[in-house]
């Protein structure tokens, strides 16, 4: 699985048309985006929902499916220490 470490990020909370909450993590350096749904994020969902404003760095492992969708394992870093 490819892994990326993102240090300059923006995290936006969004809702699907069905009312499901998801987050978009944008890499501000290269405009790459990762869509994080609760049923797809294996680690870090609680930190993402409770503390997204304080998250400065993330490590993302992802699988890209045939339609280009990325399924992520999310590792959140606060103050340089990853919370796994």
PDB file of N, CA and C in Angstrom:
ATOM      1  N   UNK A   1       0.831  -1.177   0.000  1.00  0.00           N
ATOM      2  CA  UNK A   1       0.000   0.000   0.000  1.00  0.00           C
ATOM      3  C   UNK A   1       0.877   1.243   0.000  1.00  0.00           C
ATOM      4  N   UNK A   2       0.623   2.184  -0.889  1.00  0.00           N
ATOM      5  CA  UNK A   2       1.385   3.443  -0.864  1.00  0.00           C
ATOM      6  C   UNK A   2       1.107   4.221   0.423  1.00  0.00           C
ATOM      7  N   UNK A   3       2.108   4.945   0.873  1.00  0.00           N
ATOM      8  CA  UNK A   3       1.985   5.774   2.065  1.00  0.00           C
ATOM      9  C   UNK A   3       2.451   7.180   1.746  1.00  0.00           C
ATOM     10  N   UNK A   4       1.738   8.175   2.244  1.00  0.00           N
ATOM     11  CA  UNK A   4       2.153   9.570   2.111  1.00  0.00           C
ATOM     12  C   UNK A   4       2.118  10.216   3.483  1.00  0.00           C
ATOM     13  N   UNK A   5       3.065  11.102   3.723  1.00  0.00           N
ATOM     14  CA  UNK A   5       3.116  11.878   4.955  1.00  0.00           C
ATOM     15  C   UNK A   5       2.839  13.325   4.563  1.00  0.00           C
ATOM     16  N   UNK A   6       1.753  13.876   5.053  1.00  0.00           N
ATOM     17  CA  UNK A   6       1.326  15.220   4.684  1.00  0.00           C
ATOM     18  C   UNK A   6       1.535  16.162   5.855  1.00  0.00           C
ATOM     19  N   UNK A   7       2.267  17.251   5.605  1.00  0.00           N
ATOM     20  CA  UNK A   7       2.601  18.180   6.676  1.00  0.00           C
ATOM     21  C   UNK A   7       1.949  19.552   6.521  1.00  0.00           C
ATOM     22  N   UNK A   8       1.428  19.852   5.363  1.00  0.00           N
ATOM     23  CA  UNK A   8       0.759  21.127   5.111  1.00  0.00           C
ATOM     24  C   UNK A   8      -0.644  20.796   4.623  1.00  0.00           C
ATOM     25  N   UNK A   9      -1.572  20.632   5.575  1.00  0.00           N
ATOM     26  CA  UNK A   9      -2.895  20.106   5.229  1.00  0.00           C
ATOM     27  C   UNK A   9      -4.026  21.046   5.628  1.00  0.00           C
ATOM     28  N   UNK A  10      -5.134  20.823   4.958  1.00  0.00           N
ATOM     29  CA  UNK A  10      -6.402  21.446   5.302  1.00  0.00           C
ATOM     30  C   UNK A  10      -7.408  20.311   5.434  1.00  0.00           C
ATOM     31  N   UNK A  11      -8.193  20.329   6.513  1.00  0.00           N
ATOM     32  CA  UNK A  11      -9.204  19.295   6.727  1.00  0.00           C
ATOM     33  C   UNK A  11     -10.574  19.955   6.750  1.00  0.00           C
ATOM     34  N   UNK A  12     -11.445  19.514   5.850  1.00  0.00           N
ATOM     35  CA  UNK A  12     -12.809  20.042   5.773  1.00  0.00           C
ATOM     36  C   UNK A  12     -13.796  18.937   6.110  1.00  0.00           C
ATOM     37  N   UNK A  13     -14.797  19.269   6.903  1.00  0.00           N
ATOM     38  CA  UNK A  13     -15.877  18.331   7.204  1.00  0.00           C
ATOM     39  C   UNK A  13     -16.990  18.546   6.196  1.00  0.00           C
ATOM     40  N   UNK A  14     -17.505  17.448   5.659  1.00  0.00           N
ATOM     41  CA  UNK A  14     -18.573  17.518   4.661  1.00  0.00           C
ATOM     42  C   UNK A  14     -19.663  16.511   5.009  1.00  0.00           C
ATOM     43  N   UNK A  15     -20.767  16.604   4.299  1.00  0.00           N
ATOM     44  CA  UNK A  15     -21.887  15.677   4.448  1.00  0.00           C
ATOM     45  C   UNK A  15     -22.275  15.158   3.074  1.00  0.00           C
ATOM     46  N   UNK A  16     -22.562  13.855   2.995  1.00  0.00           N
ATOM     47  CA  UNK A  16     -23.109  13.307   1.762  1.00  0.00           C
ATOM     48  C   UNK A  16     -24.573  13.712   1.661  1.00  0.00           C
ATOM     49  N   UNK A  17     -25.196  13.443   0.538  1.00  0.00           N
ATOM     50  CA  UNK A  17     -26.619  13.765   0.400  1.00  0.00           C
ATOM     51  C   UNK A  17     -27.475  12.930   1.342  1.00  0.00           C
ATOM     52  N   UNK A  18     -26.920  11.824   1.849  1.00  0.00           N
ATOM     53  CA  UNK A  18     -27.622  10.979   2.815  1.00  0.00           C
ATOM     54  C   UNK A  18     -27.346  11.387   4.256  1.00  0.00           C
ATOM     55  N   UNK A  19     -26.580  12.451   4.465  1.00  0.00           N
ATOM     56  CA  UNK A  19     -26.297  12.940   5.811  1.00  0.00           C
ATOM     57  C   UNK A  19     -25.099  12.298   6.494  1.00  0.00           C
ATOM     58  N   UNK A  20     -24.344  11.481   5.770  1.00  0.00           N
ATOM     59  CA  UNK A  20     -23.161  10.839   6.347  1.00  0.00           C
ATOM     60  C   UNK A  20     -22.001  11.843   6.383  1.00  0.00           C
ATOM     61  N   UNK A  21     -21.365  11.956   7.545  1.00  0.00           N
ATOM     62  CA  UNK A  21     -20.227  12.865   7.689  1.00  0.00           C
ATOM     63  C   UNK A  21     -18.972  12.214   7.112  1.00  0.00           C
ATOM     64  N   UNK A  22     -18.205  13.007   6.370  1.00  0.00           N
ATOM     65  CA  UNK A  22     -16.892  12.569   5.910  1.00  0.00           C
ATOM     66  C   UNK A  22     -15.965  13.769   5.929  1.00  0.00           C
ATOM     67  N   UNK A  23     -14.678  13.511   5.813  1.00  0.00           N
ATOM     68  CA  UNK A  23     -13.681  14.568   5.843  1.00  0.00           C
ATOM     69  C   UNK A  23     -12.849  14.507   4.570  1.00  0.00           C
ATOM     70  N   UNK A  24     -12.473  15.678   4.113  1.00  0.00           N
ATOM     71  CA  UNK A  24     -11.559  15.789   2.980  1.00  0.00           C
ATOM     72  C   UNK A  24     -10.253  16.345   3.530  1.00  0.00           C
ATOM     73  N   UNK A  25      -9.184  15.584   3.371  1.00  0.00           N
ATOM     74  CA  UNK A  25      -7.858  16.036   3.782  1.00  0.00           C
ATOM     75  C   UNK A  25      -7.117  16.437   2.524  1.00  0.00           C
ATOM     76  N   UNK A  26      -6.779  17.716   2.437  1.00  0.00           N
ATOM     77  CA  UNK A  26      -6.091  18.248   1.255  1.00  0.00           C
ATOM     78  C   UNK A  26      -4.630  18.502   1.577  1.00  0.00           C
ATOM     79  N   UNK A  27      -3.782  18.056   0.666  1.00  0.00           N
ATOM     80  CA  UNK A  27      -2.362  18.367   0.744  1.00  0.00           C
ATOM     81  C   UNK A  27      -2.175  19.701   0.039  1.00  0.00           C
ATOM     82  N   UNK A  28      -1.850  20.750   0.794  1.00  0.00           N
ATOM     83  CA  UNK A  28      -1.729  22.087   0.222  1.00  0.00           C
ATOM     84  C   UNK A  28      -0.510  22.248  -0.674  1.00  0.00           C
ATOM     85  N   UNK A  29       0.433  21.310  -0.606  1.00  0.00           N
ATOM     86  CA  UNK A  29       1.631  21.405  -1.441  1.00  0.00           C
ATOM     87  C   UNK A  29       1.381  20.947  -2.871  1.00  0.00           C
ATOM     88  N   UNK A  30       0.522  19.938  -3.060  1.00  0.00           N
ATOM     89  CA  UNK A  30       0.317  19.453  -4.427  1.00  0.00           C
ATOM     90  C   UNK A  30      -1.153  19.252  -4.799  1.00  0.00           C
ATOM     91  N   UNK A  31      -2.062  19.758  -3.983  1.00  0.00           N
ATOM     92  CA  UNK A  31      -3.504  19.729  -4.249  1.00  0.00           C
ATOM     93  C   UNK A  31      -4.086  18.318  -4.316  1.00  0.00           C
ATOM     94  N   UNK A  32      -3.410  17.334  -3.767  1.00  0.00           N
ATOM     95  CA  UNK A  32      -3.953  15.987  -3.691  1.00  0.00           C
ATOM     96  C   UNK A  32      -4.956  15.942  -2.551  1.00  0.00           C
ATOM     97  N   UNK A  33      -6.047  15.187  -2.721  1.00  0.00           N
ATOM     98  CA  UNK A  33      -7.082  15.108  -1.690  1.00  0.00           C
ATOM     99  C   UNK A  33      -7.390  13.656  -1.366  1.00  0.00           C
ATOM    100  N   UNK A  34      -7.700  13.420  -0.095  1.00  0.00           N
ATOM    101  CA  UNK A  34      -8.084  12.103   0.385  1.00  0.00           C
ATOM    102  C   UNK A  34      -9.430  12.239   1.081  1.00  0.00           C
ATOM    103  N   UNK A  35     -10.362  11.373   0.710  1.00  0.00           N
ATOM    104  CA  UNK A  35     -11.708  11.396   1.270  1.00  0.00           C
ATOM    105  C   UNK A  35     -11.792  10.338   2.351  1.00  0.00           C
ATOM    106  N   UNK A  36     -12.174  10.749   3.553  1.00  0.00           N
ATOM    107  CA  UNK A  36     -12.157   9.878   4.718  1.00  0.00           C
ATOM    108  C   UNK A  36     -13.569   9.665   5.244  1.00  0.00           C
ATOM    109  N   UNK A  37     -14.084   8.456   5.044  1.00  0.00           N
ATOM    110  CA  UNK A  37     -15.375   8.053   5.562  1.00  0.00           C
ATOM    111  C   UNK A  37     -15.154   7.139   6.760  1.00  0.00           C
ATOM    112  N   UNK A  38     -16.047   7.198   7.734  1.00  0.00           N
ATOM    113  CA  UNK A  38     -15.864   6.446   8.971  1.00  0.00           C
ATOM    114  C   UNK A  38     -15.660   4.961   8.718  1.00  0.00           C
ATOM    115  N   UNK A  39     -16.390   4.370   7.797  1.00  0.00           N
ATOM    116  CA  UNK A  39     -16.272   2.935   7.567  1.00  0.00           C
ATOM    117  C   UNK A  39     -15.022   2.560   6.776  1.00  0.00           C
ATOM    118  N   UNK A  40     -14.259   3.533   6.310  1.00  0.00           N
ATOM    119  CA  UNK A  40     -13.037   3.260   5.555  1.00  0.00           C
ATOM    120  C   UNK A  40     -11.768   3.611   6.315  1.00  0.00           C
ATOM    121  N   UNK A  41     -11.875   4.460   7.335  1.00  0.00           N
ATOM    122  CA  UNK A  41     -10.699   4.868   8.106  1.00  0.00           C
ATOM    123  C   UNK A  41     -10.477   3.844   9.213  1.00  0.00           C
ATOM    124  N   UNK A  42      -9.308   3.201   9.188  1.00  0.00           N
ATOM    125  CA  UNK A  42      -9.037   2.151  10.169  1.00  0.00           C
ATOM    126  C   UNK A  42      -8.507   2.696  11.485  1.00  0.00           C
ATOM    127  N   UNK A  43      -7.800   3.776  11.459  1.00  0.00           N
ATOM    128  CA  UNK A  43      -7.242   4.395  12.666  1.00  0.00           C
ATOM    129  C   UNK A  43      -7.479   5.897  12.593  1.00  0.00           C
ATOM    130  N   UNK A  44      -7.730   6.536  13.734  1.00  0.00           N
ATOM    131  CA  UNK A  44      -7.750   7.987  13.783  1.00  0.00           C
ATOM    132  C   UNK A  44      -9.087   8.674  13.578  1.00  0.00           C
ATOM    133  N   UNK A  45     -10.171   7.911  13.422  1.00  0.00           N
ATOM    134  CA  UNK A  45     -11.456   8.565  13.170  1.00  0.00           C
ATOM    135  C   UNK A  45     -11.870   9.461  14.335  1.00  0.00           C
ATOM    136  N   UNK A  46     -11.727   8.985  15.568  1.00  0.00           N
ATOM    137  CA  UNK A  46     -12.120   9.787  16.733  1.00  0.00           C
ATOM    138  C   UNK A  46     -11.317  11.080  16.810  1.00  0.00           C
ATOM    139  N   UNK A  47     -10.001  11.001  16.583  1.00  0.00           N
ATOM    140  CA  UNK A  47      -9.185  12.217  16.595  1.00  0.00           C
ATOM    141  C   UNK A  47      -9.610  13.164  15.481  1.00  0.00           C
ATOM    142  N   UNK A  48      -9.950  12.611  14.354  1.00  0.00           N
ATOM    143  CA  UNK A  48     -10.377  13.432  13.223  1.00  0.00           C
ATOM    144  C   UNK A  48     -11.677  14.156  13.543  1.00  0.00           C
ATOM    145  N   UNK A  49     -12.639  13.455  14.128  1.00  0.00           N
ATOM    146  CA  UNK A  49     -13.928  14.081  14.403  1.00  0.00           C
ATOM    147  C   UNK A  49     -13.868  15.029  15.595  1.00  0.00           C
ATOM    148  N   UNK A  50     -13.042  14.726  16.584  1.00  0.00           N
ATOM    149  CA  UNK A  50     -13.011  15.532  17.806  1.00  0.00           C
ATOM    150  C   UNK A  50     -12.001  16.672  17.785  1.00  0.00           C
ATOM    151  N   UNK A  51     -10.927  16.530  17.026  1.00  0.00           N
ATOM    152  CA  UNK A  51      -9.814  17.483  17.129  1.00  0.00           C
ATOM    153  C   UNK A  51      -9.247  17.919  15.781  1.00  0.00           C
ATOM    154  N   UNK A  52     -10.047  17.957  14.760  1.00  0.00           N
ATOM    155  CA  UNK A  52      -9.472  18.217  13.433  1.00  0.00           C
ATOM    156  C   UNK A  52      -8.758  19.557  13.321  1.00  0.00           C
ATOM    157  N   UNK A  53      -9.169  20.547  14.090  1.00  0.00           N
ATOM    158  CA  UNK A  53      -8.523  21.865  14.020  1.00  0.00           C
ATOM    159  C   UNK A  53      -7.086  21.818  14.533  1.00  0.00           C
ATOM    160  N   UNK A  54      -6.788  20.894  15.432  1.00  0.00           N
ATOM    161  CA  UNK A  54      -5.443  20.821  16.010  1.00  0.00           C
ATOM    162  C   UNK A  54      -4.517  19.861  15.258  1.00  0.00           C
ATOM    163  N   UNK A  55      -5.019  19.174  14.256  1.00  0.00           N
ATOM    164  CA  UNK A  55      -4.203  18.218  13.503  1.00  0.00           C
ATOM    165  C   UNK A  55      -3.344  18.975  12.506  1.00  0.00           C
ATOM    166  N   UNK A  56      -2.052  18.774  12.584  1.00  0.00           N
ATOM    167  CA  UNK A  56      -1.108  19.479  11.715  1.00  0.00           C
ATOM    168  C   UNK A  56      -0.428  18.568  10.704  1.00  0.00           C
ATOM    169  N   UNK A  57      -0.438  17.272  10.970  1.00  0.00           N
ATOM    170  CA  UNK A  57       0.275  16.336  10.114  1.00  0.00           C
ATOM    171  C   UNK A  57      -0.455  14.999  10.133  1.00  0.00           C
ATOM    172  N   UNK A  58      -0.528  14.336   8.992  1.00  0.00           N
ATOM    173  CA  UNK A  58      -1.115  13.006   8.921  1.00  0.00           C
ATOM    174  C   UNK A  58      -0.239  12.103   8.068  1.00  0.00           C
ATOM    175  N   UNK A  59      -0.307  10.837   8.372  1.00  0.00           N
ATOM    176  CA  UNK A  59       0.295   9.820   7.517  1.00  0.00           C
ATOM    177  C   UNK A  59      -0.860   8.985   6.999  1.00  0.00           C
ATOM    178  N   UNK A  60      -0.902   8.792   5.702  1.00  0.00           N
ATOM    179  CA  UNK A  60      -2.011   8.083   5.081  1.00  0.00           C
ATOM    180  C   UNK A  60      -1.471   6.919   4.271  1.00  0.00           C
ATOM    181  N   UNK A  61      -1.978   5.728   4.573  1.00  0.00           N
ATOM    182  CA  UNK A  61      -1.769   4.564   3.715  1.00  0.00           C
ATOM    183  C   UNK A  61      -3.050   4.435   2.907  1.00  0.00           C
ATOM    184  N   UNK A  62      -2.927   4.139   1.635  1.00  0.00           N
ATOM    185  CA  UNK A  62      -4.149   4.048   0.848  1.00  0.00           C
ATOM    186  C   UNK A  62      -4.042   2.997  -0.236  1.00  0.00           C
ATOM    187  N   UNK A  63      -5.204   2.507  -0.618  1.00  0.00           N
ATOM    188  CA  UNK A  63      -5.352   1.622  -1.762  1.00  0.00           C
ATOM    189  C   UNK A  63      -6.168   2.387  -2.785  1.00  0.00           C
ATOM    190  N   UNK A  64      -5.761   2.329  -4.014  1.00  0.00           N
ATOM    191  CA  UNK A  64      -6.542   2.982  -5.063  1.00  0.00           C
ATOM    192  C   UNK A  64      -7.286   1.904  -5.835  1.00  0.00           C
ATOM    193  N   UNK A  65      -8.603   2.037  -5.880  1.00  0.00           N
ATOM    194  CA  UNK A  65      -9.430   1.052  -6.555  1.00  0.00           C
ATOM    195  C   UNK A  65      -9.582   1.406  -8.024  1.00  0.00           C
ATOM    196  N   UNK A  66     -10.165   0.499  -8.769  1.00  0.00           N
ATOM    197  CA  UNK A  66     -10.267   0.654 -10.219  1.00  0.00           C
ATOM    198  C   UNK A  66     -10.959   1.939 -10.646  1.00  0.00           C
ATOM    199  N   UNK A  67     -11.843   2.459  -9.832  1.00  0.00           N
ATOM    200  CA  UNK A  67     -12.521   3.712 -10.168  1.00  0.00           C
ATOM    201  C   UNK A  67     -11.747   4.931  -9.690  1.00  0.00           C
ATOM    202  N   UNK A  68     -10.560   4.719  -9.119  1.00  0.00           N
ATOM    203  CA  UNK A  68      -9.747   5.831  -8.659  1.00  0.00           C
ATOM    204  C   UNK A  68     -10.010   6.237  -7.226  1.00  0.00           C
ATOM    205  N   UNK A  69     -10.958   5.564  -6.562  1.00  0.00           N
ATOM    206  CA  UNK A  69     -11.249   5.881  -5.165  1.00  0.00           C
ATOM    207  C   UNK A  69     -10.126   5.377  -4.274  1.00  0.00           C
ATOM    208  N   UNK A  70      -9.802   6.156  -3.260  1.00  0.00           N
ATOM    209  CA  UNK A  70      -8.750   5.764  -2.336  1.00  0.00           C
ATOM    210  C   UNK A  70      -9.376   5.348  -1.009  1.00  0.00           C
ATOM    211  N   UNK A  71      -9.005   4.166  -0.522  1.00  0.00           N
ATOM    212  CA  UNK A  71      -9.401   3.698   0.796  1.00  0.00           C
ATOM    213  C   UNK A  71      -8.212   3.935   1.700  1.00  0.00           C
ATOM    214  N   UNK A  72      -8.416   4.596   2.825  1.00  0.00           N
ATOM    215  CA  UNK A  72      -7.273   5.058   3.612  1.00  0.00           C
ATOM    216  C   UNK A  72      -7.167   4.398   4.971  1.00  0.00           C
ATOM    217  N   UNK A  73      -5.922   4.259   5.416  1.00  0.00           N
ATOM    218  CA  UNK A  73      -5.594   4.054   6.817  1.00  0.00           C
ATOM    219  C   UNK A  73      -4.987   5.374   7.240  1.00  0.00           C
ATOM    220  N   UNK A  74      -5.534   5.986   8.242  1.00  0.00           N
ATOM    221  CA  UNK A  74      -5.142   7.329   8.629  1.00  0.00           C
ATOM    222  C   UNK A  74      -4.429   7.310   9.966  1.00  0.00           C
ATOM    223  N   UNK A  75      -3.251   7.925  10.014  1.00  0.00           N
ATOM    224  CA  UNK A  75      -2.486   8.056  11.244  1.00  0.00           C
ATOM    225  C   UNK A  75      -2.290   9.548  11.482  1.00  0.00           C
ATOM    226  N   UNK A  76      -2.716  10.018  12.626  1.00  0.00           N
ATOM    227  CA  UNK A  76      -2.722  11.446  12.907  1.00  0.00           C
ATOM    228  C   UNK A  76      -1.563  11.797  13.816  1.00  0.00           C
ATOM    229  N   UNK A  77      -0.868  12.876  13.485  1.00  0.00           N
ATOM    230  CA  UNK A  77       0.252  13.342  14.289  1.00  0.00           C
ATOM    231  C   UNK A  77      -0.128  14.637  14.981  1.00  0.00           C
ATOM    232  N   UNK A  78       0.147  14.694  16.265  1.00  0.00           N
ATOM    233  CA  UNK A  78      -0.002  15.926  17.020  1.00  0.00           C
ATOM    234  C   UNK A  78       1.342  16.210  17.658  1.00  0.00           C
ATOM    235  N   UNK A  79       1.876  17.373  17.382  1.00  0.00           N
ATOM    236  CA  UNK A  79       3.155  17.786  17.939  1.00  0.00           C
ATOM    237  C   UNK A  79       4.259  16.789  17.621  1.00  0.00           C
ATOM    238  N   UNK A  80       4.256  16.274  16.392  1.00  0.00           N
ATOM    239  CA  UNK A  80       5.330  15.417  15.907  1.00  0.00           C
ATOM    240  C   UNK A  80       5.257  13.979  16.352  1.00  0.00           C
ATOM    241  N   UNK A  81       4.222  13.575  17.093  1.00  0.00           N
ATOM    242  CA  UNK A  81       4.114  12.191  17.556  1.00  0.00           C
ATOM    243  C   UNK A  81       2.863  11.578  16.970  1.00  0.00           C
ATOM    244  N   UNK A  82       3.018  10.483  16.248  1.00  0.00           N
ATOM    245  CA  UNK A  82       1.860   9.852  15.615  1.00  0.00           C
ATOM    246  C   UNK A  82       1.048   9.092  16.648  1.00  0.00           C
ATOM    247  N   UNK A  83      -0.252   9.260  16.590  1.00  0.00           N
ATOM    248  CA  UNK A  83      -1.174   8.580  17.491  1.00  0.00           C
ATOM    249  C   UNK A  83      -1.742   7.385  16.737  1.00  0.00           C
ATOM    250  N   UNK A  84      -1.280   6.219  17.052  1.00  0.00           N
ATOM    251  CA  UNK A  84      -1.713   5.017  16.324  1.00  0.00           C
ATOM    252  C   UNK A  84      -2.482   4.109  17.263  1.00  0.00           C
TER     253      UNK A  84
END
